[in-house]
Amino acid sequence: MPFDPGFSIAVTEGRLGFSYGPGTFGPQPETRSLDAIRPSLRDPECSGPDPVYAIAMDVGKVQDRPELERRMLLIGAVAYAAGQLGDEPVRSQGHVHAKSAHSGWSPPELYEIWSGEAFILMQEYAADDPGRCFAICAKPGDRVIVPPGWTHASISASPKQQMTFGAICDREYGFLYEEVRRRHGLAWYATVNADGALQWQPNRNYKYSPIEIRGPRDYSEFGLVPSVPIYSQMERDFACFQWVSKPGLVSDLWKNFVP
């Protein structure tokens, strides 16, 4: 990986997934097949890479595991295949987080891109009226915060490349897919035109809402330090990331939140 995530994890050669170096824990990655994500695609009958992506939930340094568990924090790692799903770049299904029993909140999520380039697509509601819509373009080392209760998906912004990222979330990370699948995705689709450029198309299954497309900001109000991997920051002070599993600690920051 061109970006050092702060612990020993690497994409496996020849197949989607991850391997773990000395002192690092992680599960056997799960893969998501093309058939599994068809209900959320612009063209459910399309062809594309299969599996589409691999995900390893709960990775990190062995020495940090007790503290991560105590604080109900979890790090996931995701690797996307190169290619397209019909005229869409490879992407996730899209979901909203279920309410966590321990916090009573639908948890936020903090993304960090490790390789390739991504759009984090998000909208306020998993409903006919999606509310505000954003597509945040992020490159290796960039971070993007998805606020509590927002529907979101991650999209490869460079379909010819494999894309990987890490994300910090609540250990009670339930994913709700039904409303997204019912509308065949989020309120906007990224599509690849004949010249290979990305364009944005509205999903007619939603009430129209404009989309804001731009790069990430620094999220300094959350204490994020530029150019330092979020895992390294977390090791220095786990308490600084407690807002991920206990979003009520920073409830004022979620009011009128702008990604």
Protein backbone atom coordinates (compact mmCIF):
# COMPACT_ATOMS: atom_id res chain seq x y z
CA MET A 1 0.00 0.00 0.00
CA PRO A 2 1.37 3.46 -0.81
CA PHE A 3 -0.08 4.87 2.41
CA ASP A 4 1.04 3.47 5.77
CA PRO A 5 -2.13 2.87 7.85
CA GLY A 6 -0.11 2.67 11.07
CA PHE A 7 -0.21 -1.10 11.59
CA SER A 8 0.94 -4.18 9.67
CA ILE A 9 -1.76 -5.02 7.12
CA ALA A 10 -1.35 -5.70 3.40
CA VAL A 11 -3.57 -6.53 0.43
CA THR A 12 -3.11 -10.15 -0.66
CA GLU A 13 -1.69 -10.82 -4.11
CA GLY A 14 -3.91 -12.50 -6.70
CA ARG A 15 -7.14 -12.38 -4.70
CA LEU A 16 -9.14 -9.82 -2.79
CA GLY A 17 -8.33 -9.78 0.89
CA PHE A 18 -5.76 -8.87 3.51
CA SER A 19 -2.82 -10.45 5.27
CA TYR A 20 -1.60 -9.46 8.73
CA GLY A 21 1.95 -8.94 9.86
CA PRO A 22 3.52 -9.68 13.25
CA GLY A 23 1.59 -8.27 16.17
CA THR A 24 -1.53 -7.64 14.10
CA PHE A 25 -4.88 -9.36 14.50
CA GLY A 26 -7.66 -9.71 11.96
CA PRO A 27 -10.22 -12.19 10.65
CA GLN A 28 -10.33 -14.14 7.43
CA PRO A 29 -11.77 -11.48 5.08
CA GLU A 30 -15.30 -11.94 3.80
CA THR A 31 -16.07 -11.24 0.14
CA ARG A 32 -19.19 -9.70 -1.36
CA SER A 33 -20.30 -11.33 -4.60
CA LEU A 34 -21.80 -9.45 -7.52
CA ASP A 35 -25.09 -11.28 -6.96
CA ALA A 36 -25.19 -10.09 -3.35
CA ILE A 37 -25.09 -6.42 -4.30
CA ARG A 38 -27.23 -6.50 -7.47
CA PRO A 39 -30.37 -5.13 -5.71
CA SER A 40 -28.61 -1.81 -5.06
CA LEU A 41 -27.14 -1.31 -8.55
CA ARG A 42 -28.30 1.02 -11.32
CA ASP A 43 -28.40 -2.04 -13.61
CA PRO A 44 -29.06 -5.17 -11.52
CA GLU A 45 -28.37 -7.36 -14.57
CA CYS A 46 -24.92 -5.91 -15.27
CA SER A 47 -21.63 -7.76 -15.47
CA GLY A 48 -18.55 -6.89 -13.45
CA PRO A 49 -15.80 -8.25 -11.22
CA ASP A 50 -16.82 -11.04 -8.88
CA PRO A 51 -16.20 -10.85 -5.97
CA VAL A 52 -16.69 -7.09 -5.92
CA TYR A 53 -14.94 -6.37 -2.64
CA ALA A 54 -13.48 -7.99 0.46
CA ILE A 55 -14.02 -6.78 4.00
CA ALA A 56 -12.23 -7.57 7.26
CA MET A 57 -14.07 -6.27 10.31
CA ASP A 58 -12.00 -5.85 13.48
CA VAL A 59 -8.31 -5.43 12.68
CA GLY A 60 -5.46 -3.76 14.54
CA LYS A 61 -2.49 -4.35 16.79
CA VAL A 62 -2.80 -7.19 19.27
CA GLN A 63 -1.63 -4.92 22.10
CA ASP A 64 -4.49 -2.48 21.40
CA ARG A 65 -7.31 -4.98 21.21
CA PRO A 66 -8.41 -4.78 24.87
CA GLU A 67 -8.64 -0.99 24.68
CA LEU A 68 -10.55 -1.09 21.40
CA GLU A 69 -13.01 -3.56 22.91
CA ARG A 70 -13.36 -1.55 26.12
CA ARG A 71 -14.20 1.58 24.17
CA MET A 72 -16.51 -0.25 21.73
CA LEU A 73 -14.35 0.84 18.80
CA LEU A 74 -13.68 -1.30 15.75
CA ILE A 75 -11.52 -0.87 12.65
CA GLY A 76 -12.62 -2.40 9.37
CA ALA A 77 -10.48 -2.83 6.25
CA VAL A 78 -11.96 -3.04 2.74
CA ALA A 79 -10.38 -3.86 -0.63
CA TYR A 80 -12.23 -3.19 -3.90
CA ALA A 81 -11.66 -4.97 -7.19
CA ALA A 82 -10.68 -2.87 -10.17
CA GLY A 83 -13.31 -2.52 -12.88
CA GLN A 84 -16.92 -1.52 -13.37
CA LEU A 85 -20.40 -2.77 -12.51
CA GLY A 86 -22.05 -2.05 -15.83
CA ASP A 87 -21.60 1.70 -16.33
CA GLU A 88 -20.91 2.27 -12.61
CA PRO A 89 -17.48 2.11 -11.00
CA VAL A 90 -17.08 -0.61 -8.39
CA ARG A 91 -18.89 0.41 -5.22
CA SER A 92 -20.50 -0.85 -2.04
CA GLN A 93 -24.21 -1.49 -1.68
CA GLY A 94 -24.92 1.51 0.51
CA HIS A 95 -26.44 1.32 3.98
CA VAL A 96 -27.37 3.17 7.12
CA HIS A 97 -26.12 2.03 10.53
CA ALA A 98 -28.55 0.44 12.95
CA LYS A 99 -28.86 2.09 16.34
CA SER A 100 -26.28 0.86 18.81
CA ALA A 101 -27.79 -0.62 21.96
CA HIS A 102 -25.04 0.78 24.18
CA SER A 103 -25.24 4.39 22.88
CA GLY A 104 -28.77 4.71 21.50
CA TRP A 105 -27.34 6.35 18.36
CA SER A 106 -26.98 5.27 14.75
CA PRO A 107 -23.17 5.53 14.83
CA PRO A 108 -20.99 7.74 12.64
CA GLU A 109 -18.08 6.34 10.65
CA LEU A 110 -14.59 7.68 9.99
CA TYR A 111 -13.03 6.64 6.66
CA GLU A 112 -9.35 6.78 5.72
CA ILE A 113 -8.31 5.98 2.15
CA TRP A 114 -5.24 3.74 1.87
CA SER A 115 -4.84 3.25 -1.88
CA GLY A 116 -6.59 4.27 -5.07
CA GLU A 117 -9.15 7.04 -4.98
CA ALA A 118 -12.68 7.03 -3.56
CA PHE A 119 -15.90 8.93 -3.43
CA ILE A 120 -17.75 8.66 -0.14
CA LEU A 121 -21.34 9.26 -1.18
CA MET A 122 -23.77 10.21 1.57
CA GLN A 123 -27.27 11.57 2.08
CA GLU A 124 -29.20 12.59 5.17
CA TYR A 125 -32.05 10.07 4.92
CA ALA A 126 -32.84 6.59 3.67
CA ALA A 127 -36.20 7.85 2.42
CA ASP A 128 -37.90 9.12 -0.73
CA ASP A 129 -36.61 12.59 0.14
CA PRO A 130 -32.87 12.01 0.71
CA GLY A 131 -32.17 15.47 2.13
CA ARG A 132 -28.73 16.91 1.53
CA CYS A 133 -26.43 14.85 -0.70
CA PHE A 134 -22.62 14.92 -0.83
CA ALA A 135 -19.91 13.08 -2.75
CA ILE A 136 -16.52 13.59 -1.09
CA CYS A 137 -13.53 12.65 -3.25
CA ALA A 138 -10.66 11.26 -1.16
CA LYS A 139 -7.14 10.10 -1.97
CA PRO A 140 -4.62 8.09 0.11
CA GLY A 141 -4.33 9.64 3.56
CA ASP A 142 -7.57 11.61 3.25
CA ARG A 143 -10.32 11.14 5.85
CA VAL A 144 -14.07 11.50 5.54
CA ILE A 145 -16.63 11.48 8.37
CA VAL A 146 -20.14 10.16 7.80
CA PRO A 147 -22.40 11.57 10.54
CA PRO A 148 -24.88 9.54 12.62
CA GLY A 149 -27.95 8.26 10.79
CA TRP A 150 -26.83 9.18 7.28
CA THR A 151 -27.06 6.70 4.42
CA HIS A 152 -23.74 6.19 2.66
CA ALA A 153 -21.74 4.17 0.15
CA SER A 154 -18.10 4.09 -0.94
CA ILE A 155 -17.26 4.25 -4.64
CA SER A 156 -13.99 3.67 -6.49
CA ALA A 157 -13.20 6.96 -8.24
CA SER A 158 -10.53 5.33 -10.45
CA PRO A 159 -12.10 2.13 -11.84
CA LYS A 160 -8.85 0.89 -13.40
CA GLN A 161 -7.20 0.72 -9.96
CA GLN A 162 -7.84 -1.37 -6.90
CA MET A 163 -9.01 0.78 -3.99
CA THR A 164 -8.55 0.10 -0.28
CA PHE A 165 -9.57 1.93 2.85
CA GLY A 166 -9.90 1.59 6.59
CA ALA A 167 -12.80 2.79 8.70
CA ILE A 168 -13.38 3.29 12.43
CA CYS A 169 -16.88 2.48 13.61
CA ASP A 170 -18.85 1.21 16.59
CA ARG A 171 -18.39 -2.44 17.50
CA GLU A 172 -22.18 -2.72 17.23
CA TYR A 173 -21.98 -1.89 13.54
CA GLY A 174 -25.28 -3.25 12.21
CA PHE A 175 -25.91 -2.44 8.54
CA LEU A 176 -29.42 -1.71 7.27
CA TYR A 177 -29.79 -2.24 3.52
CA GLU A 178 -33.52 -2.54 2.88
CA GLU A 179 -34.35 1.08 1.99
CA VAL A 180 -31.31 1.40 -0.29
CA ARG A 181 -32.03 -1.86 -2.08
CA ARG A 182 -35.67 -0.91 -2.53
CA ARG A 183 -34.57 2.21 -4.43
CA HIS A 184 -31.67 0.51 -6.28
CA GLY A 185 -28.98 2.55 -4.58
CA LEU A 186 -28.52 6.01 -3.13
CA ALA A 187 -29.99 9.19 -4.59
CA TRP A 188 -27.10 9.63 -7.03
CA TYR A 189 -25.12 7.26 -9.24
CA ALA A 190 -21.53 7.73 -10.36
CA THR A 191 -21.28 6.50 -13.95
CA VAL A 192 -18.34 6.11 -16.33
CA ASN A 193 -18.75 7.69 -19.76
CA ALA A 194 -17.19 6.59 -23.05
CA ASP A 195 -14.06 8.64 -22.32
CA GLY A 196 -13.60 7.00 -18.92
CA ALA A 197 -14.63 10.08 -16.96
CA LEU A 198 -17.03 9.92 -14.03
CA GLN A 199 -20.41 11.62 -14.28
CA TRP A 200 -23.24 11.88 -11.76
CA GLN A 201 -26.76 10.76 -12.57
CA PRO A 202 -29.80 11.21 -10.29
CA ASN A 203 -31.62 8.10 -9.13
CA ARG A 204 -35.24 8.59 -10.21
CA ASN A 205 -36.45 6.48 -7.29
CA TYR A 206 -35.86 9.50 -5.01
CA LYS A 207 -37.18 13.02 -4.91
CA TYR A 208 -34.55 15.13 -6.67
CA SER A 209 -31.97 16.73 -4.37
CA PRO A 210 -28.82 18.43 -5.71
CA ILE A 211 -25.45 16.90 -4.94
CA GLU A 212 -22.34 18.72 -3.71
CA ILE A 213 -19.13 17.19 -5.05
CA ARG A 214 -15.78 18.20 -3.54
CA GLY A 215 -12.73 17.09 -1.61
CA PRO A 216 -12.55 16.42 2.14
CA ARG A 217 -12.00 18.99 4.86
CA ASP A 218 -9.75 18.62 7.89
CA TYR A 219 -12.39 17.94 10.60
CA SER A 220 -10.22 19.79 13.09
CA GLU A 221 -13.19 20.10 15.45
CA PHE A 222 -12.91 16.31 15.97
CA GLY A 223 -9.22 16.55 16.83
CA LEU A 224 -7.94 14.88 13.66
CA VAL A 225 -4.29 15.60 12.90
CA PRO A 226 -3.35 16.03 9.21
CA SER A 227 -0.81 13.61 7.67
CA VAL A 228 -0.82 11.25 10.67
CA PRO A 229 -2.60 7.88 10.19
CA ILE A 230 -5.73 7.73 12.28
CA TYR A 231 -4.54 4.48 13.86
CA SER A 232 -1.35 6.19 15.04
CA GLN A 233 -3.41 9.06 16.43
CA MET A 234 -5.71 6.65 18.20
CA GLU A 235 -2.79 4.83 19.84
CA ARG A 236 -1.60 8.12 21.30
CA ASP A 237 -5.00 8.90 22.80
CA PHE A 238 -7.90 6.48 22.38
CA ALA A 239 -10.21 8.93 24.14
CA CYS A 240 -9.97 11.33 21.19
CA PHE A 241 -11.92 8.83 19.08
CA GLN A 242 -14.53 7.93 21.68
CA TRP A 243 -17.07 10.04 19.74
CA VAL A 244 -17.25 7.28 17.12
CA SER A 245 -18.87 4.82 19.52
CA LYS A 246 -20.43 7.49 21.75
CA PRO A 247 -21.59 10.20 19.32
CA GLY A 248 -23.59 11.90 22.04
CA LEU A 249 -20.30 13.19 23.48
CA VAL A 250 -20.12 15.63 20.56
CA SER A 251 -23.84 16.07 19.91
CA ASP A 252 -23.41 19.77 19.09
CA LEU A 253 -21.03 18.91 16.23
CA TRP A 254 -23.73 16.87 14.47
CA LYS A 255 -26.15 19.79 14.26
CA ASN A 256 -26.20 21.03 10.65
CA PHE A 257 -23.12 18.88 10.02
CA VAL A 258 -21.37 19.46 6.69
CA PRO A 259 -19.11 16.64 5.49
